[in-house]
């Protein structure tokens, strides 16, 4: 086969590949990236009112952390609250962290209490952080709060840490 025929065949094969690749169809959607007008229809507000330590489980050691907080979730239209997630993080003076996550469906009361049994095991300043996300239809609302407090001067008990939430 001479060079002209080989060149013609090569150009013919390349042109077939180019024609096939240039006719690709594409589906496109136009999205509105503006803020949702319904964003204010779901509202979350969490406030830590107080955090302290005591012997809440009556085991003789003042190593239980009690967190009193207010959680308000408002929906301003007909939508139903699917659930809300409450994340709690307790940081000890050494930097060790306890993390608890609660998934709830019932609406919270005006005053809620979280008991973290056997968590206060070091002297120094503790930090408690609460983070709440509520979900209703396609909307999500979020709020968080934190508080620093000083629990006991000494070492707590040896029982395993447990958290109980009362809404």
N, C-alpha and C. Protein backbone atom coordinates (compact mmCIF):
# COMPACT_ATOMS: atom_id res chain seq x y z
N UNK A 1 0.85 -1.16 0.00
CA UNK A 1 0.00 0.00 0.00
C UNK A 1 0.90 1.23 0.00
N UNK A 2 0.59 2.14 -0.87
CA UNK A 2 1.46 3.30 -0.95
C UNK A 2 1.09 4.33 0.13
N UNK A 3 1.95 5.33 0.23
CA UNK A 3 1.81 6.33 1.30
C UNK A 3 0.55 7.17 1.15
N UNK A 4 0.10 7.45 -0.12
CA UNK A 4 -1.10 8.26 -0.33
C UNK A 4 -2.35 7.52 0.16
N UNK A 5 -2.44 6.25 -0.12
CA UNK A 5 -3.60 5.48 0.30
C UNK A 5 -3.61 5.32 1.83
N UNK A 6 -2.47 5.13 2.42
CA UNK A 6 -2.38 5.02 3.87
C UNK A 6 -2.77 6.33 4.56
N UNK A 7 -2.31 7.43 3.98
CA UNK A 7 -2.66 8.74 4.53
C UNK A 7 -4.15 9.01 4.38
N UNK A 8 -4.74 8.66 3.25
CA UNK A 8 -6.18 8.86 3.02
C UNK A 8 -7.01 8.03 4.00
N UNK A 9 -6.60 6.78 4.19
CA UNK A 9 -7.32 5.91 5.12
C UNK A 9 -7.22 6.44 6.55
N UNK A 10 -6.06 6.91 6.95
CA UNK A 10 -5.87 7.46 8.29
C UNK A 10 -6.72 8.71 8.50
N UNK A 11 -6.75 9.61 7.51
CA UNK A 11 -7.58 10.82 7.61
C UNK A 11 -9.06 10.48 7.65
N UNK A 12 -9.47 9.46 6.91
CA UNK A 12 -10.87 9.03 6.91
C UNK A 12 -11.29 8.51 8.30
N UNK A 13 -10.45 7.72 8.93
CA UNK A 13 -10.74 7.16 10.27
C UNK A 13 -10.77 8.28 11.32
N UNK A 14 -9.85 9.19 11.22
CA UNK A 14 -9.82 10.32 12.17
C UNK A 14 -11.07 11.18 12.01
N UNK A 15 -11.51 11.42 10.79
CA UNK A 15 -12.70 12.25 10.56
C UNK A 15 -13.96 11.58 11.11
N UNK A 16 -14.04 10.26 11.05
CA UNK A 16 -15.18 9.54 11.62
C UNK A 16 -15.22 9.73 13.14
N UNK A 17 -14.09 9.63 13.80
CA UNK A 17 -14.04 9.84 15.26
C UNK A 17 -14.39 11.28 15.63
N UNK A 18 -13.94 12.24 14.83
CA UNK A 18 -14.24 13.63 15.11
C UNK A 18 -15.72 13.94 14.93
N UNK A 19 -16.34 13.40 13.91
CA UNK A 19 -17.76 13.63 13.67
C UNK A 19 -18.61 13.00 14.77
N UNK A 20 -18.26 11.82 15.23
CA UNK A 20 -19.02 11.17 16.29
C UNK A 20 -18.90 11.90 17.62
N UNK A 21 -17.74 12.43 17.92
CA UNK A 21 -17.55 13.09 19.21
C UNK A 21 -18.11 14.50 19.25
N UNK A 22 -18.37 15.11 18.10
CA UNK A 22 -18.86 16.49 18.10
C UNK A 22 -20.37 16.57 18.18
N UNK A 23 -21.08 15.46 18.14
CA UNK A 23 -22.54 15.49 18.17
C UNK A 23 -23.10 14.91 19.45
N UNK A 24 -22.47 15.19 20.57
CA UNK A 24 -22.92 14.68 21.86
C UNK A 24 -24.02 15.60 22.38
N UNK A 25 -25.13 15.03 22.80
CA UNK A 25 -26.22 15.84 23.36
C UNK A 25 -26.03 15.98 24.87
N UNK A 26 -26.44 17.12 25.39
CA UNK A 26 -26.25 17.42 26.80
C UNK A 26 -27.57 17.89 27.38
N UNK A 27 -27.93 17.38 28.55
CA UNK A 27 -29.09 17.86 29.28
C UNK A 27 -28.63 18.93 30.25
N UNK A 28 -29.33 20.03 30.29
CA UNK A 28 -28.94 21.12 31.18
C UNK A 28 -30.15 21.58 31.97
N UNK A 29 -29.90 21.95 33.21
CA UNK A 29 -30.95 22.49 34.08
C UNK A 29 -30.50 23.85 34.57
N UNK A 30 -31.45 24.73 34.68
CA UNK A 30 -31.14 26.05 35.21
C UNK A 30 -31.61 26.09 36.65
N UNK A 31 -30.71 26.44 37.55
CA UNK A 31 -31.02 26.48 38.97
C UNK A 31 -31.01 27.91 39.45
N UNK A 32 -31.93 28.20 40.35
CA UNK A 32 -31.98 29.52 40.97
C UNK A 32 -31.22 29.43 42.28
N UNK A 33 -30.08 30.09 42.35
CA UNK A 33 -29.23 30.02 43.53
C UNK A 33 -29.54 31.12 44.53
N UNK A 34 -30.63 31.84 44.34
CA UNK A 34 -31.04 32.89 45.28
C UNK A 34 -31.46 32.25 46.59
N UNK A 35 -31.46 33.04 47.63
CA UNK A 35 -31.92 32.56 48.94
C UNK A 35 -33.38 32.16 48.84
N UNK A 36 -33.75 31.12 49.54
CA UNK A 36 -35.12 30.63 49.57
C UNK A 36 -35.99 31.60 50.36
N UNK A 37 -37.15 31.96 49.79
CA UNK A 37 -38.05 32.88 50.49
C UNK A 37 -38.64 32.24 51.73
N UNK A 38 -38.65 30.90 51.80
CA UNK A 38 -39.22 30.21 52.94
C UNK A 38 -38.22 29.98 54.06
N UNK A 39 -37.02 30.52 53.93
CA UNK A 39 -35.96 30.24 54.91
C UNK A 39 -36.33 30.69 56.31
N UNK A 40 -37.15 31.72 56.44
CA UNK A 40 -37.55 32.20 57.75
C UNK A 40 -38.73 31.43 58.33
N UNK A 41 -39.26 30.47 57.58
CA UNK A 41 -40.41 29.71 58.06
C UNK A 41 -40.03 28.65 59.07
N UNK A 42 -38.77 28.30 59.15
CA UNK A 42 -38.27 27.34 60.13
C UNK A 42 -37.20 28.05 60.95
N UNK A 43 -37.35 28.02 62.26
CA UNK A 43 -36.49 28.81 63.14
C UNK A 43 -36.04 27.96 64.31
N UNK A 44 -34.74 28.01 64.64
CA UNK A 44 -34.19 27.29 65.78
C UNK A 44 -33.40 28.28 66.64
N UNK A 45 -33.61 28.20 67.94
CA UNK A 45 -32.85 29.02 68.89
C UNK A 45 -32.51 28.14 70.09
N UNK A 46 -31.21 27.99 70.37
CA UNK A 46 -30.78 27.22 71.54
C UNK A 46 -29.93 28.13 72.42
N UNK A 47 -30.22 28.09 73.72
CA UNK A 47 -29.49 28.90 74.69
C UNK A 47 -29.16 28.02 75.89
N UNK A 48 -27.88 27.95 76.24
CA UNK A 48 -27.47 27.24 77.45
C UNK A 48 -27.64 28.21 78.61
N UNK A 49 -28.52 27.89 79.53
CA UNK A 49 -28.81 28.77 80.66
C UNK A 49 -27.85 28.56 81.82
N UNK A 50 -27.43 27.31 82.03
CA UNK A 50 -26.59 27.00 83.18
C UNK A 50 -25.93 25.65 82.97
N UNK A 51 -24.74 25.49 83.52
CA UNK A 51 -24.06 24.20 83.54
C UNK A 51 -23.32 24.10 84.86
N UNK A 52 -23.44 22.96 85.51
CA UNK A 52 -22.79 22.78 86.81
C UNK A 52 -22.58 21.30 87.04
N UNK A 53 -21.90 20.98 88.12
CA UNK A 53 -21.66 19.59 88.48
C UNK A 53 -22.31 19.32 89.83
N UNK A 54 -22.64 18.07 90.05
CA UNK A 54 -23.23 17.64 91.31
C UNK A 54 -23.20 16.11 91.35
N UNK A 55 -23.80 15.54 92.37
CA UNK A 55 -23.95 14.09 92.46
C UNK A 55 -25.38 13.75 92.03
N UNK A 56 -25.67 13.85 90.75
CA UNK A 56 -27.02 13.66 90.24
C UNK A 56 -27.46 12.20 90.23
N UNK A 57 -26.52 11.27 90.17
CA UNK A 57 -26.88 9.85 90.16
C UNK A 57 -26.76 9.19 91.53
N UNK A 58 -26.47 10.00 92.55
CA UNK A 58 -26.41 9.55 93.95
C UNK A 58 -25.44 8.39 94.17
N UNK A 59 -24.28 8.44 93.50
CA UNK A 59 -23.27 7.40 93.70
C UNK A 59 -22.18 7.82 94.67
N UNK A 60 -22.33 9.02 95.26
CA UNK A 60 -21.36 9.50 96.24
C UNK A 60 -20.24 10.35 95.64
N UNK A 61 -20.19 10.49 94.33
CA UNK A 61 -19.14 11.30 93.69
C UNK A 61 -19.80 12.46 92.94
N UNK A 62 -19.28 13.65 93.17
CA UNK A 62 -19.80 14.83 92.46
C UNK A 62 -19.10 14.92 91.10
N UNK A 63 -19.48 14.01 90.21
CA UNK A 63 -18.84 13.92 88.90
C UNK A 63 -19.85 13.96 87.76
N UNK A 64 -21.05 14.46 88.04
CA UNK A 64 -22.11 14.51 87.03
C UNK A 64 -22.29 15.95 86.57
N UNK A 65 -22.35 16.14 85.27
CA UNK A 65 -22.55 17.47 84.70
C UNK A 65 -24.02 17.62 84.35
N UNK A 66 -24.60 18.73 84.76
CA UNK A 66 -26.00 19.05 84.46
C UNK A 66 -26.01 20.31 83.60
N UNK A 67 -26.68 20.23 82.47
CA UNK A 67 -26.78 21.38 81.56
C UNK A 67 -28.25 21.73 81.41
N UNK A 68 -28.61 22.95 81.82
CA UNK A 68 -29.97 23.46 81.64
C UNK A 68 -29.96 24.36 80.42
N UNK A 69 -30.91 24.11 79.51
CA UNK A 69 -30.93 24.90 78.28
C UNK A 69 -32.35 25.11 77.79
N UNK A 70 -32.50 26.10 76.94
CA UNK A 70 -33.77 26.41 76.31
C UNK A 70 -33.61 26.17 74.81
N UNK A 71 -34.52 25.39 74.25
CA UNK A 71 -34.50 25.09 72.82
C UNK A 71 -35.87 25.43 72.25
N UNK A 72 -35.87 26.35 71.29
CA UNK A 72 -37.12 26.74 70.63
C UNK A 72 -37.01 26.38 69.16
N UNK A 73 -38.02 25.68 68.68
CA UNK A 73 -38.12 25.35 67.26
C UNK A 73 -39.49 25.81 66.80
N UNK A 74 -39.50 26.72 65.83
CA UNK A 74 -40.75 27.27 65.33
C UNK A 74 -40.87 26.99 63.84
N UNK A 75 -42.08 26.61 63.43
CA UNK A 75 -42.41 26.44 62.02
C UNK A 75 -43.59 27.35 61.75
N UNK A 76 -43.43 28.27 60.82
CA UNK A 76 -44.43 29.32 60.62
C UNK A 76 -45.43 29.02 59.50
N UNK A 77 -45.52 27.81 59.07
CA UNK A 77 -46.54 27.47 58.08
C UNK A 77 -47.03 26.05 58.34
N UNK A 78 -47.64 25.42 57.39
CA UNK A 78 -48.31 24.14 57.56
C UNK A 78 -47.36 22.95 57.64
N UNK A 79 -46.08 23.17 57.35
CA UNK A 79 -45.15 22.04 57.29
C UNK A 79 -45.00 21.35 58.64
N UNK A 80 -44.58 20.11 58.56
CA UNK A 80 -44.39 19.30 59.75
C UNK A 80 -42.90 19.15 60.04
N UNK A 81 -42.56 19.21 61.31
CA UNK A 81 -41.17 19.00 61.72
C UNK A 81 -40.85 17.52 61.57
N UNK A 82 -39.88 17.20 60.72
CA UNK A 82 -39.49 15.81 60.54
C UNK A 82 -38.70 15.32 61.74
N UNK A 83 -37.63 16.01 62.04
CA UNK A 83 -36.84 15.66 63.22
C UNK A 83 -35.85 16.78 63.47
N UNK A 84 -35.24 16.73 64.61
CA UNK A 84 -34.12 17.63 64.87
C UNK A 84 -33.00 16.84 65.52
N UNK A 85 -31.79 17.33 65.27
CA UNK A 85 -30.59 16.68 65.77
C UNK A 85 -29.92 17.63 66.76
N UNK A 86 -29.64 17.10 67.94
CA UNK A 86 -28.98 17.87 68.98
C UNK A 86 -27.62 17.25 69.24
N UNK A 87 -26.55 18.00 68.95
CA UNK A 87 -25.20 17.54 69.22
C UNK A 87 -24.70 18.24 70.47
N UNK A 88 -24.09 17.46 71.37
CA UNK A 88 -23.55 18.01 72.61
C UNK A 88 -22.09 17.59 72.70
N UNK A 89 -21.26 18.55 73.02
CA UNK A 89 -19.83 18.27 73.16
C UNK A 89 -19.36 18.85 74.49
N UNK A 90 -18.75 18.02 75.31
CA UNK A 90 -18.19 18.45 76.59
C UNK A 90 -16.67 18.27 76.51
N UNK A 91 -15.94 19.39 76.65
CA UNK A 91 -14.49 19.35 76.59
C UNK A 91 -13.93 19.51 77.99
N UNK A 92 -13.14 18.54 78.42
CA UNK A 92 -12.50 18.58 79.73
C UNK A 92 -11.25 19.47 79.68
N UNK A 93 -10.73 19.89 80.84
CA UNK A 93 -9.54 20.74 80.86
C UNK A 93 -8.34 20.13 80.14
N UNK A 94 -8.24 18.82 80.11
CA UNK A 94 -7.11 18.16 79.44
C UNK A 94 -7.26 18.17 77.93
N UNK A 95 -8.44 18.55 77.43
CA UNK A 95 -8.71 18.52 76.00
C UNK A 95 -9.51 17.30 75.56
N UNK A 96 -9.69 16.34 76.46
CA UNK A 96 -10.51 15.16 76.15
C UNK A 96 -11.95 15.60 75.91
N UNK A 97 -12.60 15.01 74.92
CA UNK A 97 -13.97 15.41 74.56
C UNK A 97 -14.93 14.25 74.66
N UNK A 98 -16.10 14.53 75.22
CA UNK A 98 -17.25 13.63 75.16
C UNK A 98 -18.20 14.22 74.14
N UNK A 99 -18.72 13.37 73.23
CA UNK A 99 -19.66 13.83 72.23
C UNK A 99 -20.91 12.96 72.27
N UNK A 100 -22.05 13.61 72.29
CA UNK A 100 -23.34 12.91 72.29
C UNK A 100 -24.20 13.50 71.19
N UNK A 101 -24.94 12.64 70.49
CA UNK A 101 -25.87 13.09 69.45
C UNK A 101 -27.23 12.48 69.73
N UNK A 102 -28.26 13.34 69.73
CA UNK A 102 -29.63 12.91 69.96
C UNK A 102 -30.44 13.25 68.71
N UNK A 103 -31.23 12.29 68.22
CA UNK A 103 -32.15 12.53 67.11
C UNK A 103 -33.56 12.46 67.70
N UNK A 104 -34.32 13.55 67.56
CA UNK A 104 -35.61 13.65 68.22
C UNK A 104 -36.69 14.09 67.25
N UNK A 105 -37.93 13.69 67.55
CA UNK A 105 -39.08 14.11 66.74
C UNK A 105 -40.03 15.00 67.52
N UNK A 106 -40.15 14.79 68.81
CA UNK A 106 -41.10 15.58 69.60
C UNK A 106 -40.55 16.98 69.83
N UNK A 107 -41.46 17.94 69.84
CA UNK A 107 -41.04 19.32 70.07
C UNK A 107 -40.54 19.47 71.50
N UNK A 108 -39.50 20.28 71.69
CA UNK A 108 -38.95 20.46 73.04
C UNK A 108 -39.85 21.34 73.90
N UNK A 109 -39.73 21.18 75.23
CA UNK A 109 -40.46 22.05 76.15
C UNK A 109 -39.67 23.34 76.32
N UNK A 110 -40.20 24.27 77.09
CA UNK A 110 -39.53 25.56 77.28
C UNK A 110 -38.21 25.43 78.03
N UNK A 111 -38.10 24.45 78.89
CA UNK A 111 -36.89 24.28 79.68
C UNK A 111 -36.48 22.81 79.62
N UNK A 112 -35.25 22.57 79.17
CA UNK A 112 -34.76 21.20 79.01
C UNK A 112 -33.50 21.01 79.86
N UNK A 113 -33.25 19.76 80.23
CA UNK A 113 -32.10 19.43 81.08
C UNK A 113 -31.39 18.22 80.49
N UNK A 114 -30.07 18.31 80.45
CA UNK A 114 -29.23 17.20 80.02
C UNK A 114 -28.37 16.79 81.20
N UNK A 115 -28.41 15.50 81.55
CA UNK A 115 -27.57 14.95 82.60
C UNK A 115 -26.47 14.14 81.94
N UNK A 116 -25.23 14.48 82.24
CA UNK A 116 -24.09 13.70 81.75
C UNK A 116 -23.41 13.10 82.98
N UNK A 117 -23.81 11.87 83.29
CA UNK A 117 -23.33 11.20 84.48
C UNK A 117 -21.87 10.76 84.31
N UNK A 118 -21.08 10.94 85.37
CA UNK A 118 -19.69 10.46 85.45
C UNK A 118 -18.78 11.09 84.39
N UNK A 119 -19.03 12.33 84.02
CA UNK A 119 -18.24 13.02 83.01
C UNK A 119 -17.21 13.98 83.61
N UNK A 120 -17.47 14.53 84.79
CA UNK A 120 -16.57 15.53 85.40
C UNK A 120 -15.50 14.81 86.21
N UNK A 121 -14.37 14.54 85.59
CA UNK A 121 -13.34 13.73 86.24
C UNK A 121 -12.03 14.48 86.46
N UNK A 122 -11.97 15.76 86.06
CA UNK A 122 -10.74 16.54 86.19
C UNK A 122 -11.06 17.92 86.77
N UNK A 123 -10.13 18.49 87.53
CA UNK A 123 -10.31 19.87 87.97
C UNK A 123 -9.95 20.83 86.84
N UNK A 124 -10.62 21.95 86.79
CA UNK A 124 -10.32 22.97 85.78
C UNK A 124 -11.57 23.41 85.05
N UNK A 125 -11.37 24.18 83.98
CA UNK A 125 -12.47 24.77 83.22
C UNK A 125 -12.97 23.81 82.15
N UNK A 126 -14.28 23.59 82.13
CA UNK A 126 -14.95 22.74 81.16
C UNK A 126 -15.70 23.61 80.16
N UNK A 127 -15.83 23.11 78.94
CA UNK A 127 -16.63 23.80 77.92
C UNK A 127 -17.72 22.86 77.43
N UNK A 128 -18.95 23.34 77.46
CA UNK A 128 -20.05 22.58 76.89
C UNK A 128 -20.56 23.34 75.67
N UNK A 129 -20.73 22.60 74.56
CA UNK A 129 -21.24 23.17 73.31
C UNK A 129 -22.48 22.39 72.90
N UNK A 130 -23.49 23.12 72.45
CA UNK A 130 -24.71 22.49 71.94
C UNK A 130 -24.98 23.04 70.55
N UNK A 131 -25.37 22.13 69.66
CA UNK A 131 -25.59 22.47 68.26
C UNK A 131 -26.87 21.77 67.84
N UNK A 132 -27.86 22.54 67.36
CA UNK A 132 -29.14 21.95 66.99
C UNK A 132 -29.46 22.26 65.53
N UNK A 133 -29.88 21.24 64.78
CA UNK A 133 -30.35 21.39 63.41
C UNK A 133 -31.74 20.79 63.34
N UNK A 134 -32.70 21.55 62.79
CA UNK A 134 -34.07 21.08 62.63
C UNK A 134 -34.37 20.94 61.14
N UNK A 135 -35.18 19.94 60.80
CA UNK A 135 -35.48 19.64 59.41
C UNK A 135 -37.00 19.56 59.23
N UNK A 136 -37.53 20.32 58.25
CA UNK A 136 -38.95 20.29 57.91
C UNK A 136 -39.05 20.44 56.40
N UNK A 137 -39.61 19.46 55.73
CA UNK A 137 -39.66 19.42 54.26
C UNK A 137 -38.26 19.64 53.71
N UNK A 138 -38.08 20.63 52.85
CA UNK A 138 -36.77 20.88 52.26
C UNK A 138 -35.95 21.91 53.04
N UNK A 139 -36.49 22.39 54.13
CA UNK A 139 -35.81 23.44 54.90
C UNK A 139 -35.01 22.85 56.05
N UNK A 140 -33.96 23.59 56.41
CA UNK A 140 -33.13 23.23 57.55
C UNK A 140 -32.79 24.51 58.29
N UNK A 141 -32.92 24.48 59.59
CA UNK A 141 -32.53 25.62 60.42
C UNK A 141 -31.52 25.13 61.45
N UNK A 142 -30.66 26.04 61.88
CA UNK A 142 -29.53 25.63 62.70
C UNK A 142 -29.18 26.73 63.70
N UNK A 143 -28.76 26.34 64.91
CA UNK A 143 -28.26 27.28 65.90
C UNK A 143 -27.35 26.54 66.86
N UNK A 144 -26.46 27.29 67.51
CA UNK A 144 -25.56 26.67 68.48
C UNK A 144 -25.23 27.66 69.58
N UNK A 145 -24.76 27.11 70.71
CA UNK A 145 -24.37 27.93 71.85
C UNK A 145 -23.31 27.16 72.64
N UNK A 146 -22.56 27.89 73.46
CA UNK A 146 -21.54 27.24 74.29
C UNK A 146 -21.43 27.98 75.61
N UNK A 147 -20.87 27.30 76.61
CA UNK A 147 -20.71 27.86 77.94
C UNK A 147 -19.48 27.23 78.58
N UNK A 148 -18.71 28.04 79.30
CA UNK A 148 -17.52 27.56 80.02
C UNK A 148 -17.84 27.61 81.51
N UNK A 149 -17.53 26.53 82.23
CA UNK A 149 -17.78 26.48 83.67
C UNK A 149 -16.68 25.69 84.35
N UNK A 150 -16.62 25.81 85.68
CA UNK A 150 -15.54 25.21 86.46
C UNK A 150 -16.09 24.15 87.39
N UNK A 151 -15.94 22.84 87.07
CA UNK A 151 -16.39 21.82 87.98
C UNK A 151 -15.40 21.52 89.09
N UNK A 152 -15.46 20.35 89.70
CA UNK A 152 -14.86 20.11 91.00
C UNK A 152 -13.34 20.11 91.04
N UNK A 153 -12.85 20.22 92.24
CA UNK A 153 -11.41 20.13 92.52
C UNK A 153 -11.13 18.70 92.95
N UNK A 154 -10.96 17.81 92.06
CA UNK A 154 -10.68 16.43 92.43
C UNK A 154 -11.08 15.48 91.33
N UNK A 155 -10.91 14.24 91.59
CA UNK A 155 -11.19 13.20 90.61
C UNK A 155 -12.56 12.59 90.94
N UNK A 156 -13.33 12.33 89.89
CA UNK A 156 -14.66 11.77 90.07
C UNK A 156 -14.64 10.28 90.28
N UNK A 157 -15.81 9.68 90.14
CA UNK A 157 -15.96 8.24 90.35
C UNK A 157 -15.40 7.45 89.18
N UNK A 158 -15.63 6.15 89.22
CA UNK A 158 -15.07 5.26 88.21
C UNK A 158 -16.15 4.62 87.33
N UNK A 159 -17.38 5.04 87.46
CA UNK A 159 -18.46 4.44 86.66
C UNK A 159 -18.41 4.97 85.23
N UNK A 160 -18.99 4.24 84.29
CA UNK A 160 -18.94 4.69 82.89
C UNK A 160 -19.80 5.93 82.66
N UNK A 161 -19.40 6.79 81.72
CA UNK A 161 -20.19 8.00 81.44
C UNK A 161 -21.49 7.65 80.70
N UNK A 162 -22.57 8.31 81.11
CA UNK A 162 -23.90 8.11 80.53
C UNK A 162 -24.53 9.48 80.37
N UNK A 163 -25.31 9.69 79.31
CA UNK A 163 -26.02 10.96 79.10
C UNK A 163 -27.50 10.68 79.01
N UNK A 164 -28.32 11.52 79.69
CA UNK A 164 -29.77 11.44 79.63
C UNK A 164 -30.32 12.83 79.35
N UNK A 165 -31.25 12.91 78.42
CA UNK A 165 -31.82 14.18 77.99
C UNK A 165 -33.28 14.22 78.39
N UNK A 166 -33.69 15.31 79.04
CA UNK A 166 -35.09 15.50 79.43
C UNK A 166 -35.60 16.77 78.79
N UNK A 167 -36.59 16.61 77.91
CA UNK A 167 -37.16 17.76 77.19
C UNK A 167 -38.52 18.11 77.72
